[in-house]
Amino acid sequence: MKTVLITAFEPFNGEQINPSWEAVRQLHERMVCGYRVMARQLPCAFGDALTALYAEMEALQPDLVIAVGQAGGRADITVERIGININDARIADNNGNQPIDEPIIPGGPAAYFATLPIKAIVDGIREAGIPASVSQTAGTYVCNHVMYGLLHRLAQQDDKVRGGFIHVPYLPEQAVKHPGSPSMAAQTIILALEMAITIALRTEQDLRLVGGATH
């Protein structure tokens, strides 16, 4: 059966939940466009996250891979454009590691662009009345680590599997502990991610729409 692998992270930085996993786990074994969605949780840890991701890719042989992570402070669903070859952790990961200015893949390219139709995904989610935008940075923490590592692995495989990364806001129950931070309901995030999968499966050529940033 054709398969979509969608991953999310365990809680980190003192949070009790991670909105990425709370949403992604609800998509497990859902059928979308004739593909079976398989949800997997990754550790929020440099190195270990990629080890887990690669093991799942090997086991499932997915036709599409979307990684999802928490972006506390962002107000919308943000589809990442690029992953860069650097680990530069502002805080320690869940294993207590805090790499600074270290490459993810020594000798690897400086960056990889997502192979998802990122602007079509943003456009479709917005059409459904859900705030969404293209993001020009996945940060330099474990989310970017996974995005770059995913795209590096796909590039090495030289096949037609597409992949990328999506960030989601806090859930309301998290935002109450971070006064002034925006949030999004879990069901809204779930709908947006299901739409992202659908659009990625149905769209060969991305839309040519404004999605850049001035800073």
C-alpha atoms as a PDB file:
ATOM      1  CA  MET A   1       0.000   0.000   0.000  1.00  0.00           C
ATOM      2  CA  LYS A   2       1.209   3.500  -0.778  1.00  0.00           C
ATOM      3  CA  THR A   3       2.252   5.262   2.387  1.00  0.00           C
ATOM      4  CA  VAL A   4       2.735   8.755   3.806  1.00  0.00           C
ATOM      5  CA  LEU A   5       5.056   9.092   6.780  1.00  0.00           C
ATOM      6  CA  ILE A   6       4.290  12.058   9.023  1.00  0.00           C
ATOM      7  CA  THR A   7       6.421  12.674  12.091  1.00  0.00           C
ATOM      8  CA  ALA A   8       6.232  14.921  15.121  1.00  0.00           C
ATOM      9  CA  PHE A   9       8.192  15.500  18.301  1.00  0.00           C
ATOM     10  CA  GLU A  10       7.893  14.649  21.952  1.00  0.00           C
ATOM     11  CA  PRO A  11       7.518  17.594  24.391  1.00  0.00           C
ATOM     12  CA  PHE A  12      10.633  19.640  25.115  1.00  0.00           C
ATOM     13  CA  ASN A  13      11.852  22.696  27.031  1.00  0.00           C
ATOM     14  CA  GLY A  14       9.598  22.039  30.006  1.00  0.00           C
ATOM     15  CA  GLU A  15       6.334  21.681  28.052  1.00  0.00           C
ATOM     16  CA  GLN A  16       3.974  18.858  29.031  1.00  0.00           C
ATOM     17  CA  ILE A  17       2.703  18.371  25.485  1.00  0.00           C
ATOM     18  CA  ASN A  18       3.886  19.068  21.956  1.00  0.00           C
ATOM     19  CA  PRO A  19       1.213  20.375  19.571  1.00  0.00           C
ATOM     20  CA  SER A  20       2.894  18.655  16.641  1.00  0.00           C
ATOM     21  CA  TRP A  21       2.412  15.204  18.141  1.00  0.00           C
ATOM     22  CA  GLU A  22      -1.038  15.949  19.558  1.00  0.00           C
ATOM     23  CA  ALA A  23      -2.169  16.693  15.995  1.00  0.00           C
ATOM     24  CA  VAL A  24      -0.104  14.183  14.036  1.00  0.00           C
ATOM     25  CA  ARG A  25      -1.101  11.189  16.152  1.00  0.00           C
ATOM     26  CA  GLN A  26      -4.726  11.800  15.180  1.00  0.00           C
ATOM     27  CA  LEU A  27      -3.783  11.191  11.545  1.00  0.00           C
ATOM     28  CA  HIS A  28      -2.297   7.755  12.187  1.00  0.00           C
ATOM     29  CA  GLU A  29      -3.644   5.142   9.740  1.00  0.00           C
ATOM     30  CA  ARG A  30      -5.984   7.655   8.134  1.00  0.00           C
ATOM     31  CA  MET A  31      -6.492   7.149   4.387  1.00  0.00           C
ATOM     32  CA  VAL A  32      -5.784  10.238   2.291  1.00  0.00           C
ATOM     33  CA  CYS A  33      -6.053  10.109  -1.516  1.00  0.00           C
ATOM     34  CA  GLY A  34      -5.608   6.348  -1.398  1.00  0.00           C
ATOM     35  CA  TYR A  35      -2.455   6.545   0.733  1.00  0.00           C
ATOM     36  CA  ARG A  36      -2.163   5.220   4.279  1.00  0.00           C
ATOM     37  CA  VAL A  37      -0.834   7.823   6.711  1.00  0.00           C
ATOM     38  CA  MET A  38       1.583   6.499   9.311  1.00  0.00           C
ATOM     39  CA  ALA A  39       2.391   8.769  12.272  1.00  0.00           C
ATOM     40  CA  ARG A  40       5.599   8.445  14.253  1.00  0.00           C
ATOM     41  CA  GLN A  41       6.971  10.394  17.207  1.00  0.00           C
ATOM     42  CA  LEU A  42      10.613  11.470  17.121  1.00  0.00           C
ATOM     43  CA  PRO A  43      12.776  12.256  20.142  1.00  0.00           C
ATOM     44  CA  CYS A  44      13.634  15.924  20.541  1.00  0.00           C
ATOM     45  CA  ALA A  45      17.330  15.136  20.472  1.00  0.00           C
ATOM     46  CA  PHE A  46      20.100  15.825  18.003  1.00  0.00           C
ATOM     47  CA  GLY A  47      21.253  12.654  16.281  1.00  0.00           C
ATOM     48  CA  ASP A  48      18.637  10.411  17.861  1.00  0.00           C
ATOM     49  CA  ALA A  49      15.856  12.168  15.937  1.00  0.00           C
ATOM     50  CA  LEU A  50      17.481  11.363  12.593  1.00  0.00           C
ATOM     51  CA  THR A  51      18.278   7.810  13.642  1.00  0.00           C
ATOM     52  CA  ALA A  52      14.590   7.275  14.440  1.00  0.00           C
ATOM     53  CA  LEU A  53      13.454   9.012  11.254  1.00  0.00           C
ATOM     54  CA  TYR A  54      15.745   6.991   9.017  1.00  0.00           C
ATOM     55  CA  ALA A  55      14.646   3.743  10.658  1.00  0.00           C
ATOM     56  CA  GLU A  56      10.995   4.551   9.956  1.00  0.00           C
ATOM     57  CA  MET A  57      11.769   5.533   6.373  1.00  0.00           C
ATOM     58  CA  GLU A  58      13.565   2.249   5.868  1.00  0.00           C
ATOM     59  CA  ALA A  59      10.742   0.238   7.411  1.00  0.00           C
ATOM     60  CA  LEU A  60       7.834   1.983   5.707  1.00  0.00           C
ATOM     61  CA  GLN A  61       9.367   2.983   2.352  1.00  0.00           C
ATOM     62  CA  PRO A  62       7.008   5.992   2.213  1.00  0.00           C
ATOM     63  CA  ASP A  63       5.995   7.845  -0.923  1.00  0.00           C
ATOM     64  CA  LEU A  64       5.855  11.172   0.935  1.00  0.00           C
ATOM     65  CA  VAL A  65       7.466  12.355   4.175  1.00  0.00           C
ATOM     66  CA  ILE A  66       6.316  15.387   6.164  1.00  0.00           C
ATOM     67  CA  ALA A  67       7.940  16.270   9.470  1.00  0.00           C
ATOM     68  CA  VAL A  68       6.050  18.543  11.862  1.00  0.00           C
ATOM     69  CA  GLY A  69       7.269  20.544  14.844  1.00  0.00           C
ATOM     70  CA  GLN A  70       6.272  23.131  17.436  1.00  0.00           C
ATOM     71  CA  ALA A  71       6.972  26.804  16.790  1.00  0.00           C
ATOM     72  CA  GLY A  72       5.853  28.573  19.957  1.00  0.00           C
ATOM     73  CA  GLY A  73       5.245  32.233  19.234  1.00  0.00           C
ATOM     74  CA  ARG A  74       4.185  31.763  15.623  1.00  0.00           C
ATOM     75  CA  ALA A  75       0.536  32.487  14.901  1.00  0.00           C
ATOM     76  CA  ASP A  76      -0.025  30.389  11.788  1.00  0.00           C
ATOM     77  CA  ILE A  77       0.799  27.117  10.080  1.00  0.00           C
ATOM     78  CA  THR A  78       4.224  27.719   8.570  1.00  0.00           C
ATOM     79  CA  VAL A  79       5.505  25.591   5.720  1.00  0.00           C
ATOM     80  CA  GLU A  80       9.288  25.634   5.685  1.00  0.00           C
ATOM     81  CA  ARG A  81      11.164  26.509   2.504  1.00  0.00           C
ATOM     82  CA  ILE A  82      14.725  25.524   3.443  1.00  0.00           C
ATOM     83  CA  GLY A  83      16.802  23.458   5.856  1.00  0.00           C
ATOM     84  CA  ILE A  84      20.392  24.527   6.554  1.00  0.00           C
ATOM     85  CA  ASN A  85      23.388  22.408   7.498  1.00  0.00           C
ATOM     86  CA  ILE A  86      23.957  23.706  11.011  1.00  0.00           C
ATOM     87  CA  ASN A  87      23.177  22.743  14.587  1.00  0.00           C
ATOM     88  CA  ASP A  88      23.257  25.811  16.833  1.00  0.00           C
ATOM     89  CA  ALA A  89      21.126  25.072  19.868  1.00  0.00           C
ATOM     90  CA  ARG A  90      19.850  27.953  22.019  1.00  0.00           C
ATOM     91  CA  ILE A  91      18.757  25.384  24.610  1.00  0.00           C
ATOM     92  CA  ALA A  92      19.809  21.828  25.368  1.00  0.00           C
ATOM     93  CA  ASP A  93      17.858  18.996  23.768  1.00  0.00           C
ATOM     94  CA  ASN A  94      16.074  16.283  25.746  1.00  0.00           C
ATOM     95  CA  ASN A  95      19.336  14.383  26.129  1.00  0.00           C
ATOM     96  CA  GLY A  96      21.070  17.429  27.572  1.00  0.00           C
ATOM     97  CA  ASN A  97      23.105  18.063  24.434  1.00  0.00           C
ATOM     98  CA  GLN A  98      23.610  21.593  23.107  1.00  0.00           C
ATOM     99  CA  PRO A  99      25.679  21.563  19.912  1.00  0.00           C
ATOM    100  CA  ILE A 100      26.898  24.956  18.757  1.00  0.00           C
ATOM    101  CA  ASP A 101      28.030  25.765  15.203  1.00  0.00           C
ATOM    102  CA  GLU A 102      28.262  22.101  14.214  1.00  0.00           C
ATOM    103  CA  PRO A 103      27.257  20.740  10.800  1.00  0.00           C
ATOM    104  CA  ILE A 104      24.396  18.272  10.663  1.00  0.00           C
ATOM    105  CA  ILE A 105      26.092  16.357   7.852  1.00  0.00           C
ATOM    106  CA  PRO A 106      29.844  17.071   7.716  1.00  0.00           C
ATOM    107  CA  GLY A 107      30.726  17.917   4.134  1.00  0.00           C
ATOM    108  CA  GLY A 108      27.070  18.134   3.137  1.00  0.00           C
ATOM    109  CA  PRO A 109      25.583  20.971   1.077  1.00  0.00           C
ATOM    110  CA  ALA A 110      24.929  24.256   2.872  1.00  0.00           C
ATOM    111  CA  ALA A 111      21.182  23.828   2.454  1.00  0.00           C
ATOM    112  CA  TYR A 112      18.344  21.899   0.859  1.00  0.00           C
ATOM    113  CA  PHE A 113      15.038  23.257  -0.375  1.00  0.00           C
ATOM    114  CA  ALA A 114      11.873  21.391   0.573  1.00  0.00           C
ATOM    115  CA  THR A 115      10.514  19.287  -2.263  1.00  0.00           C
ATOM    116  CA  LEU A 116       6.904  19.813  -1.183  1.00  0.00           C
ATOM    117  CA  PRO A 117       4.685  22.201  -3.157  1.00  0.00           C
ATOM    118  CA  ILE A 118       5.012  24.712  -0.325  1.00  0.00           C
ATOM    119  CA  LYS A 119       3.084  27.596  -1.863  1.00  0.00           C
ATOM    120  CA  ALA A 120       0.240  25.393  -3.035  1.00  0.00           C
ATOM    121  CA  ILE A 121      -0.017  24.013   0.499  1.00  0.00           C
ATOM    122  CA  VAL A 122      -0.096  27.484   2.034  1.00  0.00           C
ATOM    123  CA  ASP A 123      -2.666  28.653  -0.517  1.00  0.00           C
ATOM    124  CA  GLY A 124      -4.915  25.666   0.088  1.00  0.00           C
ATOM    125  CA  ILE A 125      -4.797  25.984   3.863  1.00  0.00           C
ATOM    126  CA  ARG A 126      -5.604  29.688   3.633  1.00  0.00           C
ATOM    127  CA  GLU A 127      -8.537  28.947   1.332  1.00  0.00           C
ATOM    128  CA  ALA A 128      -9.929  26.821   4.155  1.00  0.00           C
ATOM    129  CA  GLY A 129      -9.800  29.846   6.451  1.00  0.00           C
ATOM    130  CA  ILE A 130      -6.734  28.741   8.403  1.00  0.00           C
ATOM    131  CA  PRO A 131      -3.799  31.150   8.806  1.00  0.00           C
ATOM    132  CA  ALA A 132      -0.743  29.861   6.950  1.00  0.00           C
ATOM    133  CA  SER A 133       2.455  31.189   5.418  1.00  0.00           C
ATOM    134  CA  VAL A 134       5.778  30.199   3.906  1.00  0.00           C
ATOM    135  CA  SER A 135       8.608  30.297   6.436  1.00  0.00           C
ATOM    136  CA  GLN A 136      12.141  31.125   5.364  1.00  0.00           C
ATOM    137  CA  THR A 137      13.791  29.528   8.392  1.00  0.00           C
ATOM    138  CA  ALA A 138      13.255  26.346  10.357  1.00  0.00           C
ATOM    139  CA  GLY A 139      15.619  27.641  13.026  1.00  0.00           C
ATOM    140  CA  THR A 140      18.823  25.873  14.064  1.00  0.00           C
ATOM    141  CA  TYR A 141      17.403  23.490  16.669  1.00  0.00           C
ATOM    142  CA  VAL A 142      16.129  19.921  16.287  1.00  0.00           C
ATOM    143  CA  CYS A 143      13.382  20.876  13.803  1.00  0.00           C
ATOM    144  CA  ASN A 144      15.921  22.162  11.289  1.00  0.00           C
ATOM    145  CA  HIS A 145      18.150  19.187  12.139  1.00  0.00           C
ATOM    146  CA  VAL A 146      15.358  16.828  11.072  1.00  0.00           C
ATOM    147  CA  MET A 147      14.377  18.853   8.009  1.00  0.00           C
ATOM    148  CA  TYR A 148      17.907  18.994   6.665  1.00  0.00           C
ATOM    149  CA  GLY A 149      18.596  15.364   7.529  1.00  0.00           C
ATOM    150  CA  LEU A 150      15.374  14.262   5.843  1.00  0.00           C
ATOM    151  CA  LEU A 151      16.079  16.168   2.647  1.00  0.00           C
ATOM    152  CA  HIS A 152      19.683  14.952   2.612  1.00  0.00           C
ATOM    153  CA  ARG A 153      18.528  11.342   2.832  1.00  0.00           C
ATOM    154  CA  LEU A 154      15.961  11.853   0.058  1.00  0.00           C
ATOM    155  CA  ALA A 155      18.582  13.502  -2.148  1.00  0.00           C
ATOM    156  CA  GLN A 156      20.896  10.519  -1.653  1.00  0.00           C
ATOM    157  CA  GLN A 157      18.155   8.075  -2.607  1.00  0.00           C
ATOM    158  CA  ASP A 158      17.697   9.746  -5.997  1.00  0.00           C
ATOM    159  CA  ASP A 159      14.026   8.824  -6.251  1.00  0.00           C
ATOM    160  CA  LYS A 160      10.724  10.650  -6.466  1.00  0.00           C
ATOM    161  CA  VAL A 161       9.875  10.715  -2.765  1.00  0.00           C
ATOM    162  CA  ARG A 162       9.083  14.263  -1.675  1.00  0.00           C
ATOM    163  CA  GLY A 163       9.628  15.724   1.739  1.00  0.00           C
ATOM    164  CA  GLY A 164       9.564  18.814   3.895  1.00  0.00           C
ATOM    165  CA  PHE A 165       8.746  20.345   7.238  1.00  0.00           C
ATOM    166  CA  ILE A 166       5.768  22.194   8.729  1.00  0.00           C
ATOM    167  CA  HIS A 167       5.737  24.183  11.978  1.00  0.00           C
ATOM    168  CA  VAL A 168       2.578  24.598  14.053  1.00  0.00           C
ATOM    169  CA  PRO A 169       1.707  27.059  16.854  1.00  0.00           C
ATOM    170  CA  TYR A 170       1.138  26.354  20.525  1.00  0.00           C
ATOM    171  CA  LEU A 171      -2.137  24.778  21.564  1.00  0.00           C
ATOM    172  CA  PRO A 172      -4.367  27.033  23.723  1.00  0.00           C
ATOM    173  CA  GLU A 173      -3.532  25.048  26.864  1.00  0.00           C
ATOM    174  CA  GLN A 174       0.137  25.848  26.278  1.00  0.00           C
ATOM    175  CA  ALA A 175      -0.393  29.491  25.387  1.00  0.00           C
ATOM    176  CA  VAL A 176      -2.063  30.260  28.704  1.00  0.00           C
ATOM    177  CA  LYS A 177       1.344  29.629  30.294  1.00  0.00           C
ATOM    178  CA  HIS A 178       3.018  31.992  27.828  1.00  0.00           C
ATOM    179  CA  PRO A 179       1.078  35.280  28.118  1.00  0.00           C
ATOM    180  CA  GLY A 180       0.754  37.054  24.795  1.00  0.00           C
ATOM    181  CA  SER A 181       1.637  33.993  22.713  1.00  0.00           C
ATOM    182  CA  PRO A 182      -0.739  33.029  19.902  1.00  0.00           C
ATOM    183  CA  SER A 183      -2.257  29.572  19.702  1.00  0.00           C
ATOM    184  CA  MET A 184      -4.309  27.327  17.430  1.00  0.00           C
ATOM    185  CA  ALA A 185      -6.863  24.641  18.264  1.00  0.00           C
ATOM    186  CA  ALA A 186      -5.782  21.044  17.779  1.00  0.00           C
ATOM    187  CA  GLN A 187      -8.617  20.274  15.358  1.00  0.00           C
ATOM    188  CA  THR A 188      -7.588  23.231  13.196  1.00  0.00           C
ATOM    189  CA  ILE A 189      -3.993  22.001  13.091  1.00  0.00           C
ATOM    190  CA  ILE A 190      -5.158  18.479  12.233  1.00  0.00           C
ATOM    191  CA  LEU A 191      -7.258  19.787   9.353  1.00  0.00           C
ATOM    192  CA  ALA A 192      -4.372  21.888   8.057  1.00  0.00           C
ATOM    193  CA  LEU A 193      -1.974  18.933   8.126  1.00  0.00           C
ATOM    194  CA  GLU A 194      -4.445  16.651   6.370  1.00  0.00           C
ATOM    195  CA  MET A 195      -4.856  19.318   3.720  1.00  0.00           C
ATOM    196  CA  ALA A 196      -1.074  19.602   3.391  1.00  0.00           C
ATOM    197  CA  ILE A 197      -0.840  15.868   2.745  1.00  0.00           C
ATOM    198  CA  THR A 198      -3.658  15.977   0.204  1.00  0.00           C
ATOM    199  CA  ILE A 199      -2.180  18.921  -1.686  1.00  0.00           C
ATOM    200  CA  ALA A 200       1.312  17.395  -1.672  1.00  0.00           C
ATOM    201  CA  LEU A 201      -0.035  14.169  -3.147  1.00  0.00           C
ATOM    202  CA  ARG A 202      -2.128  15.895  -5.806  1.00  0.00           C
ATOM    203  CA  THR A 203       0.184  18.727  -6.863  1.00  0.00           C
ATOM    204  CA  GLU A 204       3.067  18.031  -9.245  1.00  0.00           C
ATOM    205  CA  GLN A 205       4.062  21.629  -9.963  1.00  0.00           C
ATOM    206  CA  ASP A 206       4.034  24.230  -7.202  1.00  0.00           C
ATOM    207  CA  LEU A 207       2.101  27.463  -7.610  1.00  0.00           C
ATOM    208  CA  ARG A 208       3.967  30.660  -8.452  1.00  0.00           C
ATOM    209  CA  LEU A 209       2.686  32.957  -5.715  1.00  0.00           C
ATOM    210  CA  VAL A 210       4.213  35.604  -3.481  1.00  0.00           C
ATOM    211  CA  GLY A 211       5.629  33.917  -0.415  1.00  0.00           C
ATOM    212  CA  GLY A 212       8.807  35.817   0.322  1.00  0.00           C
ATOM    213  CA  ALA A 213       9.814  38.022   3.209  1.00  0.00           C
ATOM    214  CA  THR A 214      11.487  41.407   3.489  1.00  0.00           C
ATOM    215  CA  HIS A 215      13.437  40.454   6.616  1.00  0.00           C
END
